């Protein structure tokens, strides 16, 4: 039963998380979604909303892992994909209670909990991009998944470029610094859209 429902978690988790940070960021008067990172919604009295959102997404992605195992029982990505998503899920979950420091991502965290959040965040972004390339290798050689191969490769490349832009924006104050939040959101949504689509395909195949 759980295995049949697993693809639904791959769709619902990213969708709810995106809806949460979009609505929450819009309603907070002291928050600029173009300039500020999603994680900064965890700061302040209303921060619990984003903290819970991180944890719900982590649980959802962990419950999605059985769908990966069922869809790719052997061959390329059969071991790597479930491991990657399991690590991503755990990092998302702990990104919640370990709240980020203001205007920090990856580097320049000042507190212990901020440092841990930065580590979890770096792992999430790195492995999210890696998951695209791992499954692309499977999709391009699997007739059932080949229609998604090109989209998967493009998603991976887009994520790598956006991660690089986020890093550049942090090196020093430059024109990209004012767009950090938007760049991060584009990166996150690229991965979430990809996860949603492969989850939808898995769900259709189980039916």
N, C-alpha and C. Protein backbone atom coordinates (compact mmCIF):
# COMPACT_ATOMS: atom_id res chain seq x y z
N UNK A 1 0.83 -1.21 0.00
CA UNK A 1 0.00 0.00 0.00
C UNK A 1 0.87 1.26 0.00
N UNK A 2 1.88 1.30 0.89
CA UNK A 2 2.76 2.45 0.97
C UNK A 2 3.53 2.63 -0.32
N UNK A 3 3.96 1.51 -0.92
CA UNK A 3 4.72 1.60 -2.16
C UNK A 3 3.86 2.18 -3.28
N UNK A 4 2.58 1.83 -3.33
CA UNK A 4 1.70 2.38 -4.36
C UNK A 4 1.45 3.86 -4.15
N UNK A 5 1.43 4.28 -2.88
CA UNK A 5 1.19 5.70 -2.58
C UNK A 5 2.46 6.53 -2.66
N UNK A 6 3.63 5.88 -2.69
CA UNK A 6 4.90 6.59 -2.64
C UNK A 6 5.06 7.68 -3.70
N UNK A 7 4.63 7.45 -4.97
CA UNK A 7 4.78 8.53 -5.95
C UNK A 7 4.00 9.79 -5.59
N UNK A 8 2.90 9.62 -4.87
CA UNK A 8 2.11 10.79 -4.48
C UNK A 8 2.90 11.71 -3.56
N UNK A 9 3.74 11.12 -2.70
CA UNK A 9 4.55 11.93 -1.80
C UNK A 9 5.59 12.73 -2.59
N UNK A 10 6.06 12.18 -3.71
CA UNK A 10 7.00 12.89 -4.56
C UNK A 10 6.37 14.09 -5.24
N UNK A 11 5.05 14.06 -5.39
CA UNK A 11 4.34 15.20 -5.96
C UNK A 11 3.90 16.18 -4.89
N UNK A 12 3.32 15.67 -3.81
CA UNK A 12 2.74 16.54 -2.79
C UNK A 12 3.79 17.31 -1.99
N UNK A 13 4.90 16.64 -1.63
CA UNK A 13 5.93 17.28 -0.81
C UNK A 13 6.48 18.55 -1.44
N UNK A 14 7.05 18.47 -2.65
CA UNK A 14 7.59 19.67 -3.30
C UNK A 14 6.51 20.72 -3.58
N UNK A 15 5.30 20.27 -3.94
CA UNK A 15 4.22 21.21 -4.25
C UNK A 15 3.82 22.01 -3.00
N UNK A 16 3.64 21.33 -1.88
CA UNK A 16 3.26 22.00 -0.64
C UNK A 16 4.37 22.93 -0.14
N UNK A 17 5.63 22.49 -0.30
CA UNK A 17 6.75 23.30 0.14
C UNK A 17 6.83 24.59 -0.66
N UNK A 18 6.68 24.47 -1.98
CA UNK A 18 6.71 25.65 -2.85
C UNK A 18 5.56 26.60 -2.52
N UNK A 19 4.38 26.04 -2.32
CA UNK A 19 3.22 26.86 -1.96
C UNK A 19 3.45 27.56 -0.63
N UNK A 20 4.05 26.85 0.31
CA UNK A 20 4.29 27.40 1.64
C UNK A 20 5.24 28.60 1.59
N UNK A 21 6.42 28.42 0.95
CA UNK A 21 7.37 29.54 0.98
C UNK A 21 6.92 30.69 0.08
N UNK A 22 6.08 30.41 -0.92
CA UNK A 22 5.58 31.49 -1.78
C UNK A 22 4.56 32.34 -1.02
N UNK A 23 3.60 31.69 -0.39
CA UNK A 23 2.57 32.42 0.36
C UNK A 23 3.17 33.10 1.58
N UNK A 24 3.99 32.37 2.32
CA UNK A 24 4.61 32.90 3.53
C UNK A 24 5.48 34.11 3.21
N UNK A 25 6.26 34.01 2.14
CA UNK A 25 7.14 35.11 1.75
C UNK A 25 6.38 36.32 1.27
N UNK A 26 5.23 36.10 0.64
CA UNK A 26 4.41 37.21 0.15
C UNK A 26 3.73 37.95 1.29
N UNK A 27 3.32 37.22 2.32
CA UNK A 27 2.55 37.82 3.41
C UNK A 27 3.42 38.50 4.46
N UNK A 28 4.71 38.21 4.49
CA UNK A 28 5.57 38.83 5.51
C UNK A 28 6.09 40.17 5.00
N UNK A 29 5.71 41.27 5.65
CA UNK A 29 6.07 42.60 5.17
C UNK A 29 7.57 42.91 5.24
N UNK A 30 8.29 42.20 6.12
CA UNK A 30 9.72 42.47 6.30
C UNK A 30 10.59 41.55 5.44
N UNK A 31 9.96 40.85 4.51
CA UNK A 31 10.69 39.83 3.74
C UNK A 31 10.66 40.16 2.25
N UNK A 32 11.83 40.06 1.61
CA UNK A 32 11.95 40.31 0.17
C UNK A 32 12.33 39.00 -0.52
N UNK A 33 11.38 38.33 -1.18
CA UNK A 33 11.66 37.02 -1.81
C UNK A 33 12.65 37.09 -2.97
N UNK A 34 12.84 38.26 -3.55
CA UNK A 34 13.79 38.39 -4.65
C UNK A 34 15.22 38.40 -4.11
N UNK A 35 15.41 39.01 -2.97
CA UNK A 35 16.75 39.19 -2.41
C UNK A 35 17.10 38.17 -1.33
N UNK A 36 16.09 37.70 -0.60
CA UNK A 36 16.34 36.85 0.57
C UNK A 36 16.06 35.38 0.29
N UNK A 37 16.82 34.53 0.98
CA UNK A 37 16.69 33.09 0.77
C UNK A 37 15.43 32.53 1.43
N UNK A 38 14.98 31.40 0.92
CA UNK A 38 13.82 30.71 1.49
C UNK A 38 14.05 30.40 2.97
N UNK A 39 15.26 29.98 3.30
CA UNK A 39 15.57 29.59 4.68
C UNK A 39 15.36 30.72 5.68
N UNK A 40 15.46 31.97 5.22
CA UNK A 40 15.31 33.10 6.13
C UNK A 40 13.88 33.29 6.61
N UNK A 41 12.95 32.57 6.00
CA UNK A 41 11.58 32.58 6.49
C UNK A 41 11.47 31.84 7.83
N UNK A 42 12.52 31.09 8.19
CA UNK A 42 12.53 30.38 9.47
C UNK A 42 12.86 31.29 10.64
N UNK A 43 13.31 32.52 10.34
CA UNK A 43 13.71 33.46 11.38
C UNK A 43 12.50 34.28 11.84
N UNK A 44 12.40 34.48 13.14
CA UNK A 44 11.35 35.35 13.67
C UNK A 44 10.15 34.58 14.21
N UNK A 45 9.15 35.31 14.72
CA UNK A 45 7.98 34.68 15.35
C UNK A 45 7.20 33.75 14.43
N UNK A 46 7.17 34.07 13.14
CA UNK A 46 6.45 33.22 12.19
C UNK A 46 7.34 32.14 11.58
N UNK A 47 8.55 32.05 12.10
CA UNK A 47 9.50 31.11 11.52
C UNK A 47 9.08 29.65 11.60
N UNK A 48 8.23 29.34 12.57
CA UNK A 48 7.80 27.95 12.76
C UNK A 48 7.14 27.39 11.50
N UNK A 49 6.50 28.27 10.71
CA UNK A 49 5.83 27.80 9.49
C UNK A 49 6.84 27.20 8.52
N UNK A 50 7.95 27.92 8.30
CA UNK A 50 8.98 27.43 7.39
C UNK A 50 9.71 26.23 7.99
N UNK A 51 9.91 26.24 9.30
CA UNK A 51 10.57 25.11 9.96
C UNK A 51 9.77 23.84 9.74
N UNK A 52 8.46 23.92 9.96
CA UNK A 52 7.58 22.76 9.75
C UNK A 52 7.58 22.35 8.28
N UNK A 53 7.61 23.34 7.38
CA UNK A 53 7.61 23.05 5.94
C UNK A 53 8.83 22.24 5.54
N UNK A 54 10.00 22.62 6.08
CA UNK A 54 11.23 21.86 5.81
C UNK A 54 11.06 20.40 6.26
N UNK A 55 10.52 20.22 7.45
CA UNK A 55 10.40 18.88 8.02
C UNK A 55 9.38 18.04 7.26
N UNK A 56 8.28 18.66 6.85
CA UNK A 56 7.26 17.95 6.07
C UNK A 56 7.83 17.52 4.73
N UNK A 57 8.59 18.40 4.09
CA UNK A 57 9.21 18.05 2.81
C UNK A 57 10.18 16.89 2.98
N UNK A 58 10.97 16.92 4.06
CA UNK A 58 11.91 15.83 4.32
C UNK A 58 11.20 14.50 4.47
N UNK A 59 10.12 14.48 5.24
CA UNK A 59 9.35 13.25 5.43
C UNK A 59 8.73 12.79 4.11
N UNK A 60 8.20 13.73 3.33
CA UNK A 60 7.58 13.39 2.05
C UNK A 60 8.57 12.75 1.09
N UNK A 61 9.77 13.31 1.01
CA UNK A 61 10.78 12.76 0.11
C UNK A 61 11.26 11.39 0.58
N UNK A 62 11.31 11.19 1.90
CA UNK A 62 11.68 9.88 2.41
C UNK A 62 10.62 8.84 2.05
N UNK A 63 9.36 9.24 2.11
CA UNK A 63 8.27 8.33 1.75
C UNK A 63 8.20 8.10 0.24
N UNK A 64 8.86 8.97 -0.52
CA UNK A 64 8.93 8.83 -1.98
C UNK A 64 9.99 7.81 -2.40
N UNK A 65 10.97 7.58 -1.55
CA UNK A 65 12.08 6.68 -1.87
C UNK A 65 11.61 5.28 -2.30
N UNK A 66 10.59 4.67 -1.66
CA UNK A 66 10.14 3.35 -2.11
C UNK A 66 9.67 3.33 -3.57
N UNK A 67 9.19 4.46 -4.06
CA UNK A 67 8.78 4.54 -5.47
C UNK A 67 9.99 4.41 -6.39
N UNK A 68 11.11 5.00 -5.98
CA UNK A 68 12.35 4.88 -6.76
C UNK A 68 12.82 3.43 -6.78
N UNK A 69 12.76 2.79 -5.62
CA UNK A 69 13.20 1.40 -5.53
C UNK A 69 12.32 0.49 -6.37
N UNK A 70 11.01 0.75 -6.39
CA UNK A 70 10.09 -0.08 -7.16
C UNK A 70 10.22 0.17 -8.66
N UNK A 71 10.49 1.42 -9.04
CA UNK A 71 10.58 1.77 -10.46
C UNK A 71 11.91 1.35 -11.08
N UNK A 72 12.96 1.33 -10.24
CA UNK A 72 14.29 0.96 -10.73
C UNK A 72 14.88 -0.12 -9.83
N UNK A 73 14.33 -1.35 -9.94
CA UNK A 73 14.77 -2.43 -9.04
C UNK A 73 16.19 -2.93 -9.32
N UNK A 74 16.67 -2.69 -10.54
CA UNK A 74 18.03 -3.12 -10.87
C UNK A 74 18.58 -2.22 -11.98
N UNK A 75 19.84 -2.39 -12.27
CA UNK A 75 20.46 -1.59 -13.32
C UNK A 75 20.91 -0.22 -12.84
N UNK A 76 21.13 0.67 -13.80
CA UNK A 76 21.63 2.01 -13.50
C UNK A 76 20.66 2.76 -12.57
N UNK A 77 21.21 3.43 -11.60
CA UNK A 77 20.48 4.27 -10.64
C UNK A 77 19.66 3.49 -9.63
N UNK A 78 19.66 2.16 -9.71
CA UNK A 78 18.83 1.37 -8.79
C UNK A 78 19.27 1.52 -7.34
N UNK A 79 20.54 1.74 -7.12
CA UNK A 79 21.05 1.95 -5.76
C UNK A 79 21.31 3.43 -5.48
N UNK A 80 21.89 4.12 -6.47
CA UNK A 80 22.30 5.51 -6.25
C UNK A 80 21.11 6.44 -6.03
N UNK A 81 20.05 6.29 -6.82
CA UNK A 81 18.91 7.21 -6.72
C UNK A 81 18.24 7.16 -5.35
N UNK A 82 17.91 5.96 -4.84
CA UNK A 82 17.30 5.93 -3.49
C UNK A 82 18.21 6.49 -2.40
N UNK A 83 19.52 6.24 -2.52
CA UNK A 83 20.46 6.76 -1.53
C UNK A 83 20.50 8.29 -1.59
N UNK A 84 20.59 8.84 -2.80
CA UNK A 84 20.65 10.29 -2.97
C UNK A 84 19.40 10.96 -2.38
N UNK A 85 18.23 10.42 -2.70
CA UNK A 85 17.00 11.03 -2.22
C UNK A 85 16.83 10.84 -0.72
N UNK A 86 17.34 9.76 -0.19
CA UNK A 86 17.27 9.55 1.27
C UNK A 86 18.11 10.60 1.99
N UNK A 87 19.31 10.86 1.48
CA UNK A 87 20.18 11.87 2.09
C UNK A 87 19.56 13.26 1.95
N UNK A 88 19.02 13.56 0.77
CA UNK A 88 18.36 14.85 0.55
C UNK A 88 17.21 15.03 1.53
N UNK A 89 16.42 13.96 1.71
CA UNK A 89 15.27 14.01 2.61
C UNK A 89 15.70 14.30 4.05
N UNK A 90 16.73 13.62 4.50
CA UNK A 90 17.23 13.81 5.87
C UNK A 90 17.74 15.24 6.05
N UNK A 91 18.45 15.74 5.06
CA UNK A 91 18.99 17.11 5.15
C UNK A 91 17.88 18.15 5.17
N UNK A 92 16.85 17.93 4.36
CA UNK A 92 15.71 18.85 4.40
C UNK A 92 15.05 18.83 5.77
N UNK A 93 14.88 17.65 6.32
CA UNK A 93 14.22 17.52 7.62
C UNK A 93 14.97 18.30 8.70
N UNK A 94 16.29 18.13 8.75
CA UNK A 94 17.06 18.80 9.80
C UNK A 94 17.36 20.26 9.48
N UNK A 95 17.12 20.68 8.24
CA UNK A 95 17.24 22.10 7.91
C UNK A 95 16.19 22.92 8.64
N UNK A 96 15.10 22.25 9.06
CA UNK A 96 14.03 22.94 9.78
C UNK A 96 14.45 23.43 11.15
N UNK A 97 14.74 22.52 12.08
CA UNK A 97 15.09 22.95 13.45
C UNK A 97 16.42 23.68 13.55
N UNK A 98 17.36 23.41 12.63
CA UNK A 98 18.62 24.14 12.63
C UNK A 98 18.46 25.38 11.75
N UNK A 99 18.00 26.44 12.36
CA UNK A 99 17.62 27.66 11.63
C UNK A 99 18.85 28.40 11.10
N UNK A 100 18.73 28.92 9.89
CA UNK A 100 19.82 29.66 9.27
C UNK A 100 20.07 30.99 9.96
N UNK A 101 21.24 31.56 9.75
CA UNK A 101 21.53 32.92 10.18
C UNK A 101 21.03 33.89 9.10
N UNK A 102 20.73 35.12 9.45
CA UNK A 102 20.24 36.09 8.45
C UNK A 102 21.20 36.27 7.29
N UNK A 103 20.65 36.29 6.07
CA UNK A 103 21.40 36.54 4.84
C UNK A 103 22.61 35.63 4.70
N UNK A 104 22.45 34.36 5.06
CA UNK A 104 23.55 33.41 4.93
C UNK A 104 23.09 32.18 4.15
N UNK A 105 23.99 31.66 3.34
CA UNK A 105 23.71 30.42 2.62
C UNK A 105 25.04 29.78 2.29
N UNK A 106 25.19 28.52 2.65
CA UNK A 106 26.42 27.77 2.43
C UNK A 106 27.56 28.28 3.33
N UNK A 107 27.96 29.55 3.16
CA UNK A 107 29.10 30.10 3.91
C UNK A 107 28.63 31.23 4.82
N UNK A 108 29.56 31.73 5.60
CA UNK A 108 29.34 32.91 6.44
C UNK A 108 28.27 32.73 7.52
N UNK A 109 28.01 31.52 7.93
CA UNK A 109 27.10 31.28 9.03
C UNK A 109 27.84 31.61 10.33
N UNK A 110 27.14 32.26 11.27
CA UNK A 110 27.78 32.74 12.48
C UNK A 110 27.54 31.85 13.70
N UNK A 111 26.43 31.14 13.74
CA UNK A 111 26.10 30.31 14.89
C UNK A 111 26.24 28.83 14.53
N UNK A 112 26.26 27.99 15.56
CA UNK A 112 26.36 26.55 15.32
C UNK A 112 25.18 26.04 14.53
N UNK A 113 23.96 26.45 14.93
CA UNK A 113 22.79 25.97 14.20
C UNK A 113 22.77 26.51 12.77
N UNK A 114 23.27 27.74 12.60
CA UNK A 114 23.36 28.29 11.26
C UNK A 114 24.37 27.55 10.40
N UNK A 115 25.49 27.19 11.02
CA UNK A 115 26.52 26.43 10.31
C UNK A 115 25.97 25.07 9.87
N UNK A 116 25.25 24.40 10.75
CA UNK A 116 24.66 23.11 10.40
C UNK A 116 23.64 23.27 9.29
N UNK A 117 22.84 24.33 9.36
CA UNK A 117 21.87 24.58 8.30
C UNK A 117 22.59 24.78 6.96
N UNK A 118 23.70 25.53 7.00
CA UNK A 118 24.46 25.75 5.78
C UNK A 118 25.01 24.46 5.20
N UNK A 119 25.46 23.56 6.07
CA UNK A 119 25.98 22.26 5.61
C UNK A 119 24.86 21.45 4.98
N UNK A 120 23.71 21.39 5.67
CA UNK A 120 22.58 20.65 5.12
C UNK A 120 22.14 21.24 3.78
N UNK A 121 22.14 22.57 3.71
CA UNK A 121 21.74 23.22 2.47
C UNK A 121 22.68 22.91 1.33
N UNK A 122 23.98 22.95 1.60
CA UNK A 122 24.97 22.65 0.56
C UNK A 122 24.80 21.22 0.04
N UNK A 123 24.52 20.29 0.96
CA UNK A 123 24.31 18.90 0.56
C UNK A 123 23.05 18.77 -0.29
N UNK A 124 21.97 19.44 0.13
CA UNK A 124 20.71 19.37 -0.62
C UNK A 124 20.89 19.86 -2.05
N UNK A 125 21.49 21.02 -2.22
CA UNK A 125 21.64 21.57 -3.56
C UNK A 125 22.58 20.71 -4.43
N UNK A 126 23.68 20.27 -3.85
CA UNK A 126 24.64 19.46 -4.61
C UNK A 126 24.02 18.13 -5.05
N UNK A 127 23.37 17.44 -4.10
CA UNK A 127 22.80 16.13 -4.42
C UNK A 127 21.54 16.23 -5.27
N UNK A 128 20.82 17.33 -5.16
CA UNK A 128 19.64 17.52 -6.02
C UNK A 128 20.06 17.58 -7.48
N UNK A 129 21.13 18.34 -7.75
CA UNK A 129 21.64 18.39 -9.12
C UNK A 129 22.19 17.03 -9.54
N UNK A 130 22.91 16.37 -8.63
CA UNK A 130 23.48 15.06 -8.94
C UNK A 130 22.39 14.04 -9.24
N UNK A 131 21.25 14.13 -8.54
CA UNK A 131 20.17 13.16 -8.76
C UNK A 131 19.65 13.24 -10.19
N UNK A 132 19.65 14.45 -10.77
CA UNK A 132 19.21 14.59 -12.16
C UNK A 132 20.14 13.82 -13.10
N UNK A 133 21.45 13.96 -12.90
CA UNK A 133 22.40 13.30 -13.78
C UNK A 133 22.40 11.79 -13.58
N UNK A 134 22.22 11.35 -12.33
CA UNK A 134 22.17 9.92 -12.05
C UNK A 134 20.98 9.28 -12.76
N UNK A 135 19.81 9.90 -12.66
CA UNK A 135 18.64 9.33 -13.31
C UNK A 135 18.65 9.56 -14.81
N UNK A 136 19.33 10.59 -15.28
CA UNK A 136 19.46 10.80 -16.72
C UNK A 136 20.18 9.62 -17.36
N UNK A 137 21.21 9.10 -16.71
CA UNK A 137 21.93 7.94 -17.23
C UNK A 137 20.99 6.74 -17.36
N UNK A 138 20.06 6.61 -16.43
CA UNK A 138 19.09 5.53 -16.50
C UNK A 138 18.06 5.79 -17.60
N UNK A 139 17.54 7.00 -17.64
CA UNK A 139 16.47 7.32 -18.58
C UNK A 139 16.90 7.18 -20.04
N UNK A 140 18.13 7.59 -20.34
CA UNK A 140 18.55 7.56 -21.75
C UNK A 140 18.73 6.14 -22.29
N UNK A 141 18.85 5.15 -21.38
CA UNK A 141 19.02 3.77 -21.82
C UNK A 141 17.81 2.89 -21.49
N UNK A 142 16.75 3.50 -20.94
CA UNK A 142 15.55 2.77 -20.56
C UNK A 142 14.40 3.26 -21.43
N UNK A 143 13.87 2.39 -22.28
CA UNK A 143 12.83 2.80 -23.22
C UNK A 143 11.60 3.38 -22.54
N UNK A 144 11.29 2.90 -21.34
CA UNK A 144 10.10 3.38 -20.63
C UNK A 144 10.27 4.81 -20.15
N UNK A 145 11.50 5.23 -19.92
CA UNK A 145 11.76 6.55 -19.36
C UNK A 145 12.49 7.48 -20.33
N UNK A 146 12.80 6.99 -21.51
CA UNK A 146 13.59 7.79 -22.46
C UNK A 146 12.94 9.13 -22.81
N UNK A 147 11.60 9.23 -22.86
CA UNK A 147 10.99 10.54 -23.16
C UNK A 147 11.36 11.63 -22.15
N UNK A 148 11.77 11.25 -20.94
CA UNK A 148 12.13 12.24 -19.92
C UNK A 148 13.64 12.48 -19.84
N UNK A 149 14.40 11.82 -20.69
CA UNK A 149 15.87 11.93 -20.61
C UNK A 149 16.36 13.35 -20.89
N UNK A 150 15.86 13.96 -21.96
CA UNK A 150 16.32 15.30 -22.32
C UNK A 150 15.94 16.32 -21.25
N UNK A 151 14.70 16.24 -20.77
CA UNK A 151 14.24 17.15 -19.73
C UNK A 151 15.08 17.00 -18.46
N UNK A 152 15.42 15.76 -18.13
CA UNK A 152 16.22 15.49 -16.94
C UNK A 152 17.62 16.07 -17.06
N UNK A 153 18.23 15.92 -18.22
CA UNK A 153 19.56 16.48 -18.45
C UNK A 153 19.53 18.00 -18.38
N UNK A 154 18.53 18.61 -19.00
CA UNK A 154 18.41 20.07 -18.97
C UNK A 154 18.22 20.57 -17.54
N UNK A 155 17.38 19.86 -16.77
CA UNK A 155 17.14 20.25 -15.38
C UNK A 155 18.44 20.23 -14.58
N UNK A 156 19.24 19.18 -14.80
CA UNK A 156 20.52 19.08 -14.09
C UNK A 156 21.47 20.21 -14.45
N UNK A 157 21.56 20.52 -15.74
CA UNK A 157 22.45 21.59 -16.20
C UNK A 157 21.99 22.94 -15.65
N UNK A 158 20.69 23.19 -15.72
CA UNK A 158 20.13 24.45 -15.20
C UNK A 158 20.45 24.61 -13.72
N UNK A 159 20.31 23.52 -12.96
CA UNK A 159 20.59 23.58 -11.54
C UNK A 159 22.05 23.90 -11.26
N UNK A 160 22.95 23.29 -12.00
CA UNK A 160 24.38 23.54 -11.81
C UNK A 160 24.70 25.02 -12.07
N UNK A 161 24.12 25.56 -13.14
CA UNK A 161 24.35 26.98 -13.46
C UNK A 161 23.81 27.88 -12.36
N UNK A 162 22.61 27.59 -11.88
CA UNK A 162 22.00 28.42 -10.84
C UNK A 162 22.75 28.32 -9.51
N UNK A 163 23.23 27.13 -9.19
CA UNK A 163 24.04 26.96 -7.96
C UNK A 163 25.32 27.80 -8.07
N UNK A 164 25.93 27.79 -9.25
CA UNK A 164 27.14 28.59 -9.47
C UNK A 164 26.83 30.08 -9.31
N UNK A 165 25.69 30.52 -9.82
CA UNK A 165 25.30 31.93 -9.69
C UNK A 165 25.05 32.30 -8.22
N UNK A 166 24.44 31.39 -7.46
CA UNK A 166 24.25 31.64 -6.03
C UNK A 166 25.58 31.80 -5.33
N UNK A 167 26.53 30.97 -5.71
CA UNK A 167 27.85 31.03 -5.08
C UNK A 167 28.55 32.34 -5.42
N UNK A 168 28.46 32.75 -6.68
CA UNK A 168 29.07 34.00 -7.11
C UNK A 168 28.45 35.18 -6.36
N UNK A 169 27.14 35.13 -6.14
CA UNK A 169 26.44 36.21 -5.45
C UNK A 169 26.91 36.37 -4.02
N UNK A 170 27.52 35.32 -3.47
CA UNK A 170 27.98 35.37 -2.08
C UNK A 170 29.45 35.75 -1.93
N UNK A 171 30.18 35.70 -3.01
CA UNK A 171 31.62 35.96 -2.92
C UNK A 171 31.88 37.40 -2.48
N UNK A 172 31.11 38.33 -3.01
CA UNK A 172 31.23 39.73 -2.65
C UNK A 172 29.96 40.42 -3.11
N UNK A 173 29.74 41.63 -2.64
CA UNK A 173 28.54 42.36 -3.05
C UNK A 173 28.62 42.70 -4.53
N UNK A 174 27.68 42.20 -5.30
CA UNK A 174 27.64 42.47 -6.73
C UNK A 174 26.18 42.49 -7.18
N UNK A 175 25.97 42.65 -8.47
CA UNK A 175 24.61 42.78 -8.98
C UNK A 175 23.77 41.54 -8.69
N UNK A 176 24.41 40.38 -8.61
CA UNK A 176 23.67 39.15 -8.33
C UNK A 176 23.18 39.07 -6.89
N UNK A 177 23.83 39.79 -6.00
CA UNK A 177 23.47 39.73 -4.58
C UNK A 177 22.02 40.16 -4.35
N UNK A 178 21.55 41.10 -5.15
CA UNK A 178 20.18 41.58 -5.00
C UNK A 178 19.15 40.63 -5.58
N UNK A 179 19.63 39.57 -6.24
CA UNK A 179 18.74 38.59 -6.87
C UNK A 179 18.92 37.19 -6.29
N UNK A 180 19.60 37.12 -5.15
CA UNK A 180 19.94 35.82 -4.57
C UNK A 180 18.71 34.95 -4.30
N UNK A 181 17.67 35.57 -3.73
CA UNK A 181 16.46 34.81 -3.41
C UNK A 181 15.77 34.26 -4.64
N UNK A 182 15.72 35.06 -5.69
CA UNK A 182 15.08 34.62 -6.93
C UNK A 182 15.88 33.50 -7.58
N UNK A 183 17.20 33.64 -7.59
CA UNK A 183 18.05 32.60 -8.18
C UNK A 183 17.86 31.29 -7.44
N UNK A 184 17.83 31.38 -6.09
CA UNK A 184 17.64 30.17 -5.30
C UNK A 184 16.29 29.53 -5.59
N UNK A 185 15.25 30.35 -5.67
CA UNK A 185 13.92 29.81 -5.94
C UNK A 185 13.84 29.14 -7.30
N UNK A 186 14.49 29.72 -8.29
CA UNK A 186 14.52 29.10 -9.62
C UNK A 186 15.19 27.73 -9.57
N UNK A 187 16.25 27.64 -8.77
CA UNK A 187 16.98 26.37 -8.62
C UNK A 187 16.09 25.33 -7.94
N UNK A 188 15.46 25.74 -6.84
CA UNK A 188 14.59 24.83 -6.10
C UNK A 188 13.43 24.36 -6.96
N UNK A 189 12.77 25.30 -7.63
CA UNK A 189 11.58 24.97 -8.41
C UNK A 189 11.94 24.08 -9.60
N UNK A 190 13.13 24.27 -10.16
CA UNK A 190 13.58 23.38 -11.25
C UNK A 190 13.62 21.94 -10.77
N UNK A 191 14.21 21.73 -9.59
CA UNK A 191 14.30 20.37 -9.06
C UNK A 191 12.93 19.85 -8.66
N UNK A 192 12.11 20.68 -8.04
CA UNK A 192 10.79 20.24 -7.61
C UNK A 192 9.91 19.88 -8.81
N UNK A 193 9.99 20.66 -9.87
CA UNK A 193 9.20 20.37 -11.07
C UNK A 193 9.63 19.04 -11.68
N UNK A 194 10.93 18.80 -11.67
CA UNK A 194 11.45 17.53 -12.20
C UNK A 194 10.99 16.36 -11.34
N UNK A 195 11.09 16.49 -10.03
CA UNK A 195 10.64 15.44 -9.12
C UNK A 195 9.14 15.20 -9.29
N UNK A 196 8.38 16.27 -9.42
CA UNK A 196 6.93 16.15 -9.61
C UNK A 196 6.62 15.36 -10.87
N UNK A 197 7.31 15.66 -11.95
CA UNK A 197 7.02 15.00 -13.23
C UNK A 197 7.39 13.53 -13.21
N UNK A 198 8.56 13.18 -12.64
CA UNK A 198 8.90 11.76 -12.60
C UNK A 198 8.00 11.02 -11.62
N UNK A 199 7.57 11.70 -10.56
CA UNK A 199 6.64 11.09 -9.61
C UNK A 199 5.29 10.83 -10.28
N UNK A 200 4.84 11.79 -11.06
CA UNK A 200 3.58 11.64 -11.79
C UNK A 200 3.65 10.46 -12.74
N UNK A 201 4.78 10.31 -13.42
CA UNK A 201 4.95 9.18 -14.34
C UNK A 201 4.97 7.85 -13.58
N UNK A 202 5.61 7.84 -12.42
CA UNK A 202 5.61 6.63 -11.59
C UNK A 202 4.20 6.27 -11.15
N UNK A 203 3.43 7.30 -10.75
CA UNK A 203 2.07 7.07 -10.30
C UNK A 203 1.20 6.52 -11.43
N UNK A 204 1.38 7.05 -12.63
CA UNK A 204 0.61 6.55 -13.79
C UNK A 204 0.96 5.10 -14.08
N UNK A 205 2.22 4.76 -13.94
CA UNK A 205 2.65 3.37 -14.23
C UNK A 205 2.08 2.41 -13.18
N UNK A 206 1.95 2.83 -11.93
CA UNK A 206 1.38 1.95 -10.90
C UNK A 206 -0.09 1.72 -11.14
N UNK A 207 -0.76 2.68 -11.77
CA UNK A 207 -2.19 2.53 -12.07
C UNK A 207 -2.41 1.64 -13.26
